[in-house]
Amino acid sequence: MQYEVSDFHQVRVLVAESDPQTLGSLKAFLARNGYQVFSASTGEAALEAVKQCEYDVILCDLHLQGTSGLEVTKSISRMHPHIPIVVMTTNGDIELSRRAFEAGASDFIVKPVDFPALPFVLENNMQRKRIEQRRLSEERANVLFKAIKAIAAGIDSRSRYTGRHSAHMAEICLQIGQELQLSPERMATLELAAHIHDVGKLTTPESVLDKPGKLTPEEWQEVSQHPSTGAELLAEIDELAEVAAVIRHHHERYDGTGYPDGLRGEGIPFLSRILAVADALEAMTSDRPYRPAISWSAAVEELQRHSGTQFDPVVVDAAARVVNRLIGGWQQEKAA
């Protein structure tokens, strides 16, 4: 059976509710039913929680204190379109419920909450998302792969230093994904994301991409926008919503100091964490305008120095095993 690291946990539910009594009742009920429950009593706390952990489903009251439940739904849906968001509302909030669906909510329940029906609602929404992801994955594989590879080649050709960066990075990603025993669906998403991860650089001037010296603050600002720019471009295509999320977060750092959203730890999508390691590994072992390539062994040592701060330690360990295996194969070929 194929699996991935993030498969082995209880279903994680984030409950965003400002009323202490309702929040306490929801937490107790869900915990008794086997869920791993996290809570937030304000909109700001809910958005901060999503930066620290990736959830399987979110239960969000539309009348949150601080940042509204509608804004929370919109922000989370943009960052993690694959996570189902069930909103809680009151009788008569028809217009607010409609706006919540437009903002990205997958379902709604009316207060007072029908507790016996709640697990069914949550499981049903998670199952719908899984089915949708599987369907979209098949469509991506059948319809979009060739087009994406062509676009990726066009992106890389804009710089004389990154001729086959995306193709090489995809090869590394697949090796790491196999090492982590990702499912076929996740492997397909990872491969597509690797090929198209720099699509946002289409708007970056070539003079900036190929600059040999240190970038000015203005130039750095241009470059740092490419993950969000690329994600916004791809999010317009329904079949690429999950790929867009992976791309948006491939420059987040494990310690939360990355961009564009400052996600950290398990709050960063797992495939984005793989993308980040593969991107760094490919870049370090290739010539760049500002420095020559380093060896694969030195690149792995650099990854390990930043394990736990910039990179996910689990992914770094997997990448190290992949590279060591490749180096061993190269040495055997030379000896023969």
C-alpha atoms as a PDB file:
ATOM      1  CA  MET A   1       0.000   0.000   0.000  1.00  0.00           C
ATOM      2  CA  GLN A   2       1.321   3.434  -0.858  1.00  0.00           C
ATOM      3  CA  TYR A   3       1.219   6.164   1.756  1.00  0.00           C
ATOM      4  CA  GLU A   4       2.691   9.521   2.626  1.00  0.00           C
ATOM      5  CA  VAL A   5       3.955  10.958   5.864  1.00  0.00           C
ATOM      6  CA  SER A   6       0.878  13.100   6.476  1.00  0.00           C
ATOM      7  CA  ASP A   7      -1.543  10.131   6.136  1.00  0.00           C
ATOM      8  CA  PHE A   8      -0.947   8.774   9.632  1.00  0.00           C
ATOM      9  CA  HIS A   9      -2.925  11.028  11.946  1.00  0.00           C
ATOM     10  CA  GLN A  10      -6.421  11.524  13.255  1.00  0.00           C
ATOM     11  CA  VAL A  11      -8.689  13.736  11.173  1.00  0.00           C
ATOM     12  CA  ARG A  12      -7.700  17.279  12.072  1.00  0.00           C
ATOM     13  CA  VAL A  13     -10.591  19.703  12.549  1.00  0.00           C
ATOM     14  CA  LEU A  14     -10.163  23.427  13.138  1.00  0.00           C
ATOM     15  CA  VAL A  15     -13.207  24.893  14.900  1.00  0.00           C
ATOM     16  CA  ALA A  16     -13.484  28.687  14.614  1.00  0.00           C
ATOM     17  CA  GLU A  17     -16.221  29.881  16.987  1.00  0.00           C
ATOM     18  CA  SER A  18     -16.403  33.008  19.178  1.00  0.00           C
ATOM     19  CA  ASP A  19     -19.076  31.824  21.621  1.00  0.00           C
ATOM     20  CA  PRO A  20     -17.237  30.010  24.480  1.00  0.00           C
ATOM     21  CA  GLN A  21     -20.133  27.670  25.297  1.00  0.00           C
ATOM     22  CA  THR A  22     -20.671  26.596  21.681  1.00  0.00           C
ATOM     23  CA  LEU A  23     -16.924  26.237  21.143  1.00  0.00           C
ATOM     24  CA  GLY A  24     -16.562  24.057  24.237  1.00  0.00           C
ATOM     25  CA  SER A  25     -19.463  21.844  23.224  1.00  0.00           C
ATOM     26  CA  LEU A  26     -18.129  21.385  19.687  1.00  0.00           C
ATOM     27  CA  LYS A  27     -14.622  20.543  20.913  1.00  0.00           C
ATOM     28  CA  ALA A  28     -15.879  18.005  23.442  1.00  0.00           C
ATOM     29  CA  PHE A  29     -18.265  16.330  20.995  1.00  0.00           C
ATOM     30  CA  LEU A  30     -15.735  16.067  18.164  1.00  0.00           C
ATOM     31  CA  ALA A  31     -13.009  14.780  20.496  1.00  0.00           C
ATOM     32  CA  ARG A  32     -15.367  12.062  21.777  1.00  0.00           C
ATOM     33  CA  ASN A  33     -15.975  11.045  18.172  1.00  0.00           C
ATOM     34  CA  GLY A  34     -12.286  10.519  17.442  1.00  0.00           C
ATOM     35  CA  TYR A  35     -11.308  13.817  15.835  1.00  0.00           C
ATOM     36  CA  GLN A  36      -8.163  15.760  16.654  1.00  0.00           C
ATOM     37  CA  VAL A  37      -9.652  19.161  17.474  1.00  0.00           C
ATOM     38  CA  PHE A  38      -8.011  22.574  17.263  1.00  0.00           C
ATOM     39  CA  SER A  39      -9.862  25.783  18.082  1.00  0.00           C
ATOM     40  CA  ALA A  40      -9.854  29.512  17.455  1.00  0.00           C
ATOM     41  CA  SER A  41     -12.167  32.088  19.057  1.00  0.00           C
ATOM     42  CA  THR A  42     -11.457  34.965  16.647  1.00  0.00           C
ATOM     43  CA  GLY A  43     -10.949  35.328  12.927  1.00  0.00           C
ATOM     44  CA  GLU A  44      -7.352  36.377  13.443  1.00  0.00           C
ATOM     45  CA  ALA A  45      -6.657  33.291  15.571  1.00  0.00           C
ATOM     46  CA  ALA A  46      -8.186  31.059  12.895  1.00  0.00           C
ATOM     47  CA  LEU A  47      -5.950  32.502  10.173  1.00  0.00           C
ATOM     48  CA  GLU A  48      -2.912  32.150  12.431  1.00  0.00           C
ATOM     49  CA  ALA A  49      -3.834  28.511  13.156  1.00  0.00           C
ATOM     50  CA  VAL A  50      -3.946  27.752   9.423  1.00  0.00           C
ATOM     51  CA  LYS A  51      -0.409  29.115   9.114  1.00  0.00           C
ATOM     52  CA  GLN A  52       0.833  26.594  11.674  1.00  0.00           C
ATOM     53  CA  CYS A  53      -0.958  23.388  10.699  1.00  0.00           C
ATOM     54  CA  GLU A  54      -2.715  21.858   7.696  1.00  0.00           C
ATOM     55  CA  TYR A  55      -6.215  20.649   8.554  1.00  0.00           C
ATOM     56  CA  ASP A  56      -8.456  18.029   6.983  1.00  0.00           C
ATOM     57  CA  VAL A  57     -11.633  20.068   7.458  1.00  0.00           C
ATOM     58  CA  ILE A  58     -12.555  23.447   8.932  1.00  0.00           C
ATOM     59  CA  LEU A  59     -15.724  24.345  10.832  1.00  0.00           C
ATOM     60  CA  CYS A  60     -16.121  28.133  10.823  1.00  0.00           C
ATOM     61  CA  ASP A  61     -18.816  30.378  12.297  1.00  0.00           C
ATOM     62  CA  LEU A  62     -19.702  33.227   9.946  1.00  0.00           C
ATOM     63  CA  HIS A  63     -20.175  35.617  12.894  1.00  0.00           C
ATOM     64  CA  LEU A  64     -16.646  35.452  14.290  1.00  0.00           C
ATOM     65  CA  GLN A  65     -15.210  38.255  16.379  1.00  0.00           C
ATOM     66  CA  GLY A  66     -12.508  40.325  14.705  1.00  0.00           C
ATOM     67  CA  THR A  67     -11.920  39.233  11.117  1.00  0.00           C
ATOM     68  CA  SER A  68     -15.299  37.984   9.912  1.00  0.00           C
ATOM     69  CA  GLY A  69     -16.020  34.346   9.173  1.00  0.00           C
ATOM     70  CA  LEU A  70     -16.611  35.333   5.563  1.00  0.00           C
ATOM     71  CA  GLU A  71     -13.127  36.844   5.272  1.00  0.00           C
ATOM     72  CA  VAL A  72     -11.613  33.863   7.080  1.00  0.00           C
ATOM     73  CA  THR A  73     -13.332  31.518   4.598  1.00  0.00           C
ATOM     74  CA  LYS A  74     -12.091  33.556   1.653  1.00  0.00           C
ATOM     75  CA  SER A  75      -8.487  33.661   2.946  1.00  0.00           C
ATOM     76  CA  ILE A  76      -8.284  29.964   3.808  1.00  0.00           C
ATOM     77  CA  SER A  77      -9.889  28.974   0.509  1.00  0.00           C
ATOM     78  CA  ARG A  78      -7.263  30.998  -1.336  1.00  0.00           C
ATOM     79  CA  MET A  79      -4.377  29.462   0.624  1.00  0.00           C
ATOM     80  CA  HIS A  80      -5.736  25.877   0.761  1.00  0.00           C
ATOM     81  CA  PRO A  81      -8.460  25.330  -1.869  1.00  0.00           C
ATOM     82  CA  HIS A  82      -8.379  21.565  -1.262  1.00  0.00           C
ATOM     83  CA  ILE A  83      -9.493  21.859   2.392  1.00  0.00           C
ATOM     84  CA  PRO A  84     -13.304  21.696   2.862  1.00  0.00           C
ATOM     85  CA  ILE A  85     -14.750  24.582   4.887  1.00  0.00           C
ATOM     86  CA  VAL A  86     -18.119  24.026   6.564  1.00  0.00           C
ATOM     87  CA  VAL A  87     -19.592  27.328   7.735  1.00  0.00           C
ATOM     88  CA  MET A  88     -22.014  27.746  10.624  1.00  0.00           C
ATOM     89  CA  THR A  89     -24.818  30.269  10.334  1.00  0.00           C
ATOM     90  CA  THR A  90     -28.228  31.072  11.787  1.00  0.00           C
ATOM     91  CA  ASN A  91     -31.693  30.805  10.286  1.00  0.00           C
ATOM     92  CA  GLY A  92     -32.377  33.678   7.923  1.00  0.00           C
ATOM     93  CA  ASP A  93     -28.733  34.287   6.889  1.00  0.00           C
ATOM     94  CA  ILE A  94     -29.466  33.259   3.309  1.00  0.00           C
ATOM     95  CA  GLU A  95     -27.512  36.094   1.691  1.00  0.00           C
ATOM     96  CA  LEU A  96     -24.517  35.585   4.002  1.00  0.00           C
ATOM     97  CA  SER A  97     -24.525  31.849   3.267  1.00  0.00           C
ATOM     98  CA  ARG A  98     -24.587  32.557  -0.466  1.00  0.00           C
ATOM     99  CA  ARG A  99     -21.584  34.875  -0.109  1.00  0.00           C
ATOM    100  CA  ALA A 100     -19.801  32.189   1.905  1.00  0.00           C
ATOM    101  CA  PHE A 101     -20.182  29.707  -0.955  1.00  0.00           C
ATOM    102  CA  GLU A 102     -18.810  32.321  -3.351  1.00  0.00           C
ATOM    103  CA  ALA A 103     -15.866  32.806  -0.963  1.00  0.00           C
ATOM    104  CA  GLY A 104     -15.021  29.094  -1.064  1.00  0.00           C
ATOM    105  CA  ALA A 105     -17.179  27.349   1.559  1.00  0.00           C
ATOM    106  CA  SER A 106     -18.047  23.757   0.668  1.00  0.00           C
ATOM    107  CA  ASP A 107     -21.128  23.393   2.901  1.00  0.00           C
ATOM    108  CA  PHE A 108     -23.065  25.044   5.737  1.00  0.00           C
ATOM    109  CA  ILE A 109     -24.947  24.038   8.867  1.00  0.00           C
ATOM    110  CA  VAL A 110     -27.536  26.027  10.786  1.00  0.00           C
ATOM    111  CA  LYS A 111     -27.261  26.810  14.482  1.00  0.00           C
ATOM    112  CA  PRO A 112     -28.104  25.429  16.928  1.00  0.00           C
ATOM    113  CA  VAL A 113     -25.842  22.649  15.701  1.00  0.00           C
ATOM    114  CA  ASP A 114     -27.374  19.207  15.151  1.00  0.00           C
ATOM    115  CA  PHE A 115     -24.562  17.351  16.914  1.00  0.00           C
ATOM    116  CA  PRO A 116     -25.514  13.773  15.912  1.00  0.00           C
ATOM    117  CA  ALA A 117     -25.444  14.809  12.225  1.00  0.00           C
ATOM    118  CA  LEU A 118     -22.150  16.730  12.482  1.00  0.00           C
ATOM    119  CA  PRO A 119     -19.723  13.813  11.845  1.00  0.00           C
ATOM    120  CA  PHE A 120     -21.707  12.882   8.725  1.00  0.00           C
ATOM    121  CA  VAL A 121     -21.487  16.462   7.431  1.00  0.00           C
ATOM    122  CA  LEU A 122     -17.731  16.639   8.010  1.00  0.00           C
ATOM    123  CA  GLU A 123     -17.001  13.203   6.543  1.00  0.00           C
ATOM    124  CA  ASN A 124     -19.260  13.851   3.563  1.00  0.00           C
ATOM    125  CA  ASN A 125     -17.418  17.076   2.734  1.00  0.00           C
ATOM    126  CA  MET A 126     -14.011  15.456   3.078  1.00  0.00           C
ATOM    127  CA  GLN A 127     -15.116  12.578   0.851  1.00  0.00           C
ATOM    128  CA  ARG A 128     -16.464  14.999  -1.770  1.00  0.00           C
ATOM    129  CA  LYS A 129     -13.138  16.826  -1.794  1.00  0.00           C
ATOM    130  CA  ARG A 130     -11.245  13.541  -2.167  1.00  0.00           C
ATOM    131  CA  ILE A 131     -13.433  12.478  -5.093  1.00  0.00           C
ATOM    132  CA  GLU A 132     -13.062  15.895  -6.695  1.00  0.00           C
ATOM    133  CA  GLN A 133      -9.278  15.818  -6.282  1.00  0.00           C
ATOM    134  CA  ARG A 134      -9.109  12.333  -7.812  1.00  0.00           C
ATOM    135  CA  ARG A 135     -11.216  13.417 -10.773  1.00  0.00           C
ATOM    136  CA  LEU A 136      -9.208  16.577 -11.289  1.00  0.00           C
ATOM    137  CA  SER A 137      -5.975  14.625 -11.003  1.00  0.00           C
ATOM    138  CA  GLU A 138      -7.054  12.334 -13.828  1.00  0.00           C
ATOM    139  CA  GLU A 139      -8.060  15.277 -15.972  1.00  0.00           C
ATOM    140  CA  ARG A 140      -4.749  17.006 -15.297  1.00  0.00           C
ATOM    141  CA  ALA A 141      -2.833  13.909 -16.293  1.00  0.00           C
ATOM    142  CA  ASN A 142      -4.801  13.409 -19.510  1.00  0.00           C
ATOM    143  CA  VAL A 143      -5.356  16.964 -20.718  1.00  0.00           C
ATOM    144  CA  LEU A 144      -2.863  19.380 -19.236  1.00  0.00           C
ATOM    145  CA  PHE A 145       0.484  17.645 -18.957  1.00  0.00           C
ATOM    146  CA  LYS A 146       1.833  18.381 -22.429  1.00  0.00           C
ATOM    147  CA  ALA A 147       0.645  21.980 -22.322  1.00  0.00           C
ATOM    148  CA  ILE A 148       2.260  22.538 -18.932  1.00  0.00           C
ATOM    149  CA  LYS A 149       5.579  21.085 -20.049  1.00  0.00           C
ATOM    150  CA  ALA A 150       5.538  23.410 -23.064  1.00  0.00           C
ATOM    151  CA  ILE A 151       4.825  26.430 -20.864  1.00  0.00           C
ATOM    152  CA  ALA A 152       7.570  25.370 -18.441  1.00  0.00           C
ATOM    153  CA  ALA A 153      10.095  25.118 -21.274  1.00  0.00           C
ATOM    154  CA  GLY A 154       9.124  28.623 -22.353  1.00  0.00           C
ATOM    155  CA  ILE A 155       9.640  29.959 -18.832  1.00  0.00           C
ATOM    156  CA  ASP A 156      13.058  28.365 -18.480  1.00  0.00           C
ATOM    157  CA  SER A 157      14.167  29.616 -21.892  1.00  0.00           C
ATOM    158  CA  ARG A 158      13.773  33.227 -20.737  1.00  0.00           C
ATOM    159  CA  SER A 159      17.042  32.862 -18.791  1.00  0.00           C
ATOM    160  CA  ARG A 160      20.233  31.461 -20.252  1.00  0.00           C
ATOM    161  CA  TYR A 161      21.097  30.063 -16.816  1.00  0.00           C
ATOM    162  CA  THR A 162      17.948  28.004 -16.190  1.00  0.00           C
ATOM    163  CA  GLY A 163      17.535  26.151 -19.472  1.00  0.00           C
ATOM    164  CA  ARG A 164      16.069  22.901 -18.067  1.00  0.00           C
ATOM    165  CA  HIS A 165      15.572  23.891 -14.450  1.00  0.00           C
ATOM    166  CA  SER A 166      11.909  22.855 -14.267  1.00  0.00           C
ATOM    167  CA  ALA A 167      12.470  19.512 -16.018  1.00  0.00           C
ATOM    168  CA  HIS A 168      15.425  18.680 -13.755  1.00  0.00           C
ATOM    169  CA  MET A 169      13.465  19.774 -10.710  1.00  0.00           C
ATOM    170  CA  ALA A 170      10.542  17.540 -11.690  1.00  0.00           C
ATOM    171  CA  GLU A 171      12.920  14.562 -11.877  1.00  0.00           C
ATOM    172  CA  ILE A 172      14.223  15.341  -8.376  1.00  0.00           C
ATOM    173  CA  CYS A 173      10.698  15.814  -7.017  1.00  0.00           C
ATOM    174  CA  LEU A 174       9.608  12.439  -8.373  1.00  0.00           C
ATOM    175  CA  GLN A 175      12.617  10.717  -6.811  1.00  0.00           C
ATOM    176  CA  ILE A 176      11.847  12.310  -3.426  1.00  0.00           C
ATOM    177  CA  GLY A 177       8.135  11.528  -3.826  1.00  0.00           C
ATOM    178  CA  GLN A 178       8.906   7.882  -4.519  1.00  0.00           C
ATOM    179  CA  GLU A 179      11.192   7.792  -1.485  1.00  0.00           C
ATOM    180  CA  LEU A 180       8.288   9.101   0.632  1.00  0.00           C
ATOM    181  CA  GLN A 181       5.906   6.606  -1.039  1.00  0.00           C
ATOM    182  CA  LEU A 182       3.389   9.208  -2.171  1.00  0.00           C
ATOM    183  CA  SER A 183       0.182   8.014  -3.781  1.00  0.00           C
ATOM    184  CA  PRO A 184      -0.075   8.118  -7.597  1.00  0.00           C
ATOM    185  CA  GLU A 185      -2.475  11.071  -7.356  1.00  0.00           C
ATOM    186  CA  ARG A 186      -0.075  13.079  -5.208  1.00  0.00           C
ATOM    187  CA  MET A 187       2.823  12.176  -7.492  1.00  0.00           C
ATOM    188  CA  ALA A 188       0.893  13.512 -10.486  1.00  0.00           C
ATOM    189  CA  THR A 189       0.163  16.785  -8.697  1.00  0.00           C
ATOM    190  CA  LEU A 190       3.788  17.075  -7.571  1.00  0.00           C
ATOM    191  CA  GLU A 191       5.115  16.522 -11.089  1.00  0.00           C
ATOM    192  CA  LEU A 192       2.826  19.148 -12.583  1.00  0.00           C
ATOM    193  CA  ALA A 193       3.675  21.645  -9.848  1.00  0.00           C
ATOM    194  CA  ALA A 194       7.400  21.083 -10.386  1.00  0.00           C
ATOM    195  CA  HIS A 195       7.134  21.704 -14.117  1.00  0.00           C
ATOM    196  CA  ILE A 196       5.156  24.922 -13.732  1.00  0.00           C
ATOM    197  CA  HIS A 197       6.377  26.250 -10.346  1.00  0.00           C
ATOM    198  CA  ASP A 198       8.058  29.319 -11.887  1.00  0.00           C
ATOM    199  CA  VAL A 199       5.153  30.388 -14.107  1.00  0.00           C
ATOM    200  CA  GLY A 200       4.914  33.629 -12.113  1.00  0.00           C
ATOM    201  CA  LYS A 201       8.333  34.645 -13.467  1.00  0.00           C
ATOM    202  CA  LEU A 202       6.714  35.319 -16.830  1.00  0.00           C
ATOM    203  CA  THR A 203       6.132  38.843 -15.479  1.00  0.00           C
ATOM    204  CA  THR A 204       9.695  39.258 -14.162  1.00  0.00           C
ATOM    205  CA  PRO A 205      12.133  41.190 -16.443  1.00  0.00           C
ATOM    206  CA  GLU A 206      14.951  39.084 -17.925  1.00  0.00           C
ATOM    207  CA  SER A 207      17.461  41.677 -16.696  1.00  0.00           C
ATOM    208  CA  VAL A 208      16.440  40.765 -13.154  1.00  0.00           C
ATOM    209  CA  LEU A 209      16.396  36.993 -13.760  1.00  0.00           C
ATOM    210  CA  ASP A 210      19.953  37.030 -15.177  1.00  0.00           C
ATOM    211  CA  LYS A 211      21.458  39.727 -12.956  1.00  0.00           C
ATOM    212  CA  PRO A 212      24.934  38.574 -11.809  1.00  0.00           C
ATOM    213  CA  GLY A 213      25.090  40.756  -8.701  1.00  0.00           C
ATOM    214  CA  LYS A 214      22.930  41.359  -5.650  1.00  0.00           C
ATOM    215  CA  LEU A 215      19.353  42.390  -6.361  1.00  0.00           C
ATOM    216  CA  THR A 216      18.100  45.785  -5.259  1.00  0.00           C
ATOM    217  CA  PRO A 217      15.151  45.827  -2.805  1.00  0.00           C
ATOM    218  CA  GLU A 218      12.861  46.730  -5.722  1.00  0.00           C
ATOM    219  CA  GLU A 219      14.199  43.878  -7.864  1.00  0.00           C
ATOM    220  CA  TRP A 220      13.873  41.437  -4.973  1.00  0.00           C
ATOM    221  CA  GLN A 221      10.283  42.532  -4.523  1.00  0.00           C
ATOM    222  CA  GLU A 222       9.618  41.687  -8.180  1.00  0.00           C
ATOM    223  CA  VAL A 223      11.169  38.227  -7.864  1.00  0.00           C
ATOM    224  CA  SER A 224       9.453  37.421  -4.552  1.00  0.00           C
ATOM    225  CA  GLN A 225       6.030  37.964  -6.090  1.00  0.00           C
ATOM    226  CA  HIS A 226       6.362  35.059  -8.527  1.00  0.00           C
ATOM    227  CA  PRO A 227       4.818  32.321  -6.297  1.00  0.00           C
ATOM    228  CA  SER A 228       1.631  34.308  -5.633  1.00  0.00           C
ATOM    229  CA  THR A 229       1.515  35.608  -9.214  1.00  0.00           C
ATOM    230  CA  GLY A 230       1.836  32.081 -10.591  1.00  0.00           C
ATOM    231  CA  ALA A 231      -0.797  30.734  -8.206  1.00  0.00           C
ATOM    232  CA  GLU A 232      -3.233  33.464  -9.202  1.00  0.00           C
ATOM    233  CA  LEU A 233      -2.715  32.655 -12.885  1.00  0.00           C
ATOM    234  CA  LEU A 234      -3.321  28.926 -12.368  1.00  0.00           C
ATOM    235  CA  ALA A 235      -6.212  29.363  -9.934  1.00  0.00           C
ATOM    236  CA  GLU A 236      -8.301  30.557 -12.854  1.00  0.00           C
ATOM    237  CA  ILE A 237      -8.260  26.932 -14.103  1.00  0.00           C
ATOM    238  CA  ASP A 238     -10.410  24.703 -11.856  1.00  0.00           C
ATOM    239  CA  GLU A 239      -8.349  21.603 -12.646  1.00  0.00           C
ATOM    240  CA  LEU A 240      -5.190  23.327 -11.391  1.00  0.00           C
ATOM    241  CA  ALA A 241      -6.493  24.711  -8.069  1.00  0.00           C
ATOM    242  CA  GLU A 242      -4.469  22.247  -5.979  1.00  0.00           C
ATOM    243  CA  VAL A 243      -1.375  22.743  -8.135  1.00  0.00           C
ATOM    244  CA  ALA A 244      -1.811  26.496  -7.667  1.00  0.00           C
ATOM    245  CA  ALA A 245      -1.732  26.078  -3.870  1.00  0.00           C
ATOM    246  CA  VAL A 246       1.425  23.959  -4.036  1.00  0.00           C
ATOM    247  CA  ILE A 247       3.130  26.577  -6.204  1.00  0.00           C
ATOM    248  CA  ARG A 248       1.992  29.490  -4.044  1.00  0.00           C
ATOM    249  CA  HIS A 249       3.763  28.054  -1.012  1.00  0.00           C
ATOM    250  CA  HIS A 250       7.015  26.637  -2.436  1.00  0.00           C
ATOM    251  CA  HIS A 251       9.018  29.534  -0.977  1.00  0.00           C
ATOM    252  CA  GLU A 252       7.532  29.282   2.502  1.00  0.00           C
ATOM    253  CA  ARG A 253      10.072  28.311   5.162  1.00  0.00           C
ATOM    254  CA  TYR A 254       9.597  25.666   7.818  1.00  0.00           C
ATOM    255  CA  ASP A 255      10.207  28.264  10.560  1.00  0.00           C
ATOM    256  CA  GLY A 256       7.568  30.630   9.173  1.00  0.00           C
ATOM    257  CA  THR A 257       9.913  33.303   7.750  1.00  0.00           C
ATOM    258  CA  GLY A 258       9.192  32.567   4.082  1.00  0.00           C
ATOM    259  CA  TYR A 259       6.719  34.092   1.653  1.00  0.00           C
ATOM    260  CA  PRO A 260       4.062  34.932   0.502  1.00  0.00           C
ATOM    261  CA  ASP A 261       1.895  33.957   3.518  1.00  0.00           C
ATOM    262  CA  GLY A 262       4.388  33.180   6.294  1.00  0.00           C
ATOM    263  CA  LEU A 263       3.134  29.611   6.736  1.00  0.00           C
ATOM    264  CA  ARG A 264       5.230  27.361   8.931  1.00  0.00           C
ATOM    265  CA  GLY A 265       5.736  23.705   9.772  1.00  0.00           C
ATOM    266  CA  GLU A 266       2.784  21.512   8.892  1.00  0.00           C
ATOM    267  CA  GLY A 267       0.838  24.599   7.876  1.00  0.00           C
ATOM    268  CA  ILE A 268       2.790  24.444   4.610  1.00  0.00           C
ATOM    269  CA  PRO A 269       1.273  21.956   2.127  1.00  0.00           C
ATOM    270  CA  PHE A 270       3.383  18.802   2.129  1.00  0.00           C
ATOM    271  CA  LEU A 271       3.984  18.915  -1.626  1.00  0.00           C
ATOM    272  CA  SER A 272       5.185  22.525  -1.314  1.00  0.00           C
ATOM    273  CA  ARG A 273       7.756  21.354   1.228  1.00  0.00           C
ATOM    274  CA  ILE A 274       9.023  18.775  -1.280  1.00  0.00           C
ATOM    275  CA  LEU A 275       9.096  21.422  -4.018  1.00  0.00           C
ATOM    276  CA  ALA A 276      11.159  23.747  -1.809  1.00  0.00           C
ATOM    277  CA  VAL A 277      13.837  21.113  -1.182  1.00  0.00           C
ATOM    278  CA  ALA A 278      14.008  20.017  -4.826  1.00  0.00           C
ATOM    279  CA  ASP A 279      14.168  23.648  -6.008  1.00  0.00           C
ATOM    280  CA  ALA A 280      17.096  24.394  -3.695  1.00  0.00           C
ATOM    281  CA  LEU A 281      18.884  21.166  -4.606  1.00  0.00           C
ATOM    282  CA  GLU A 282      18.597  21.765  -8.358  1.00  0.00           C
ATOM    283  CA  ALA A 283      19.602  25.429  -8.027  1.00  0.00           C
ATOM    284  CA  MET A 284      22.690  24.677  -5.913  1.00  0.00           C
ATOM    285  CA  THR A 285      23.960  22.026  -8.341  1.00  0.00           C
ATOM    286  CA  SER A 286      23.534  24.303 -11.387  1.00  0.00           C
ATOM    287  CA  ASP A 287      25.529  27.346 -12.484  1.00  0.00           C
ATOM    288  CA  ARG A 288      23.875  30.662 -11.725  1.00  0.00           C
ATOM    289  CA  PRO A 289      24.856  34.214 -12.758  1.00  0.00           C
ATOM    290  CA  TYR A 290      25.935  34.999  -9.179  1.00  0.00           C
ATOM    291  CA  ARG A 291      27.853  31.750  -8.382  1.00  0.00           C
ATOM    292  CA  PRO A 292      29.069  28.452  -9.872  1.00  0.00           C
ATOM    293  CA  ALA A 293      27.451  25.098  -9.181  1.00  0.00           C
ATOM    294  CA  ILE A 294      28.433  23.076  -6.122  1.00  0.00           C
ATOM    295  CA  SER A 295      28.650  19.290  -5.827  1.00  0.00           C
ATOM    296  CA  TRP A 296      25.636  17.156  -4.965  1.00  0.00           C
ATOM    297  CA  SER A 297      27.258  16.133  -1.682  1.00  0.00           C
ATOM    298  CA  ALA A 298      27.856  19.764  -0.725  1.00  0.00           C
ATOM    299  CA  ALA A 299      24.277  20.616  -1.678  1.00  0.00           C
ATOM    300  CA  VAL A 300      22.935  17.894   0.621  1.00  0.00           C
ATOM    301  CA  GLU A 301      25.113  19.203   3.460  1.00  0.00           C
ATOM    302  CA  GLU A 302      23.655  22.673   2.873  1.00  0.00           C
ATOM    303  CA  LEU A 303      20.113  21.278   3.004  1.00  0.00           C
ATOM    304  CA  GLN A 304      20.915  19.512   6.260  1.00  0.00           C
ATOM    305  CA  ARG A 305      22.302  22.724   7.771  1.00  0.00           C
ATOM    306  CA  HIS A 306      18.931  24.353   7.146  1.00  0.00           C
ATOM    307  CA  SER A 307      16.802  21.352   8.103  1.00  0.00           C
ATOM    308  CA  GLY A 308      14.138  22.411  10.580  1.00  0.00           C
ATOM    309  CA  THR A 309      14.522  26.102   9.796  1.00  0.00           C
ATOM    310  CA  GLN A 310      14.149  26.554   6.047  1.00  0.00           C
ATOM    311  CA  PHE A 311      13.230  22.979   5.108  1.00  0.00           C
ATOM    312  CA  ASP A 312      11.091  20.126   6.447  1.00  0.00           C
ATOM    313  CA  PRO A 313      13.479  17.623   8.121  1.00  0.00           C
ATOM    314  CA  VAL A 314      11.495  14.643   6.803  1.00  0.00           C
ATOM    315  CA  VAL A 315      11.854  15.854   3.214  1.00  0.00           C
ATOM    316  CA  VAL A 316      15.537  16.720   3.675  1.00  0.00           C
ATOM    317  CA  ASP A 317      16.235  13.204   4.972  1.00  0.00           C
ATOM    318  CA  ALA A 318      14.411  11.692   1.985  1.00  0.00           C
ATOM    319  CA  ALA A 319      16.349  13.919  -0.448  1.00  0.00           C
ATOM    320  CA  ALA A 320      19.634  12.940   1.186  1.00  0.00           C
ATOM    321  CA  ARG A 321      18.840   9.242   0.735  1.00  0.00           C
ATOM    322  CA  VAL A 322      17.966   9.849  -2.934  1.00  0.00           C
ATOM    323  CA  VAL A 323      21.173  11.784  -3.633  1.00  0.00           C
ATOM    324  CA  ASN A 324      23.387   9.300  -1.792  1.00  0.00           C
ATOM    325  CA  ARG A 325      21.865   6.492  -3.838  1.00  0.00           C
ATOM    326  CA  LEU A 326      22.487   8.424  -7.078  1.00  0.00           C
ATOM    327  CA  ILE A 327      26.085   9.191  -6.102  1.00  0.00           C
ATOM    328  CA  GLY A 328      26.637   5.517  -5.310  1.00  0.00           C
ATOM    329  CA  GLY A 329      25.322   4.583  -8.746  1.00  0.00           C
ATOM    330  CA  TRP A 330      27.598   7.120 -10.457  1.00  0.00           C
ATOM    331  CA  GLN A 331      30.612   5.778  -8.583  1.00  0.00           C
ATOM    332  CA  GLN A 332      29.809   2.206  -9.637  1.00  0.00           C
ATOM    333  CA  GLU A 333      29.506   3.311 -13.265  1.00  0.00           C
ATOM    334  CA  LYS A 334      32.919   4.998 -13.115  1.00  0.00           C
ATOM    335  CA  ALA A 335      34.497   1.950 -11.491  1.00  0.00           C
ATOM    336  CA  ALA A 336      33.097  -0.266 -14.214  1.00  0.00           C
END
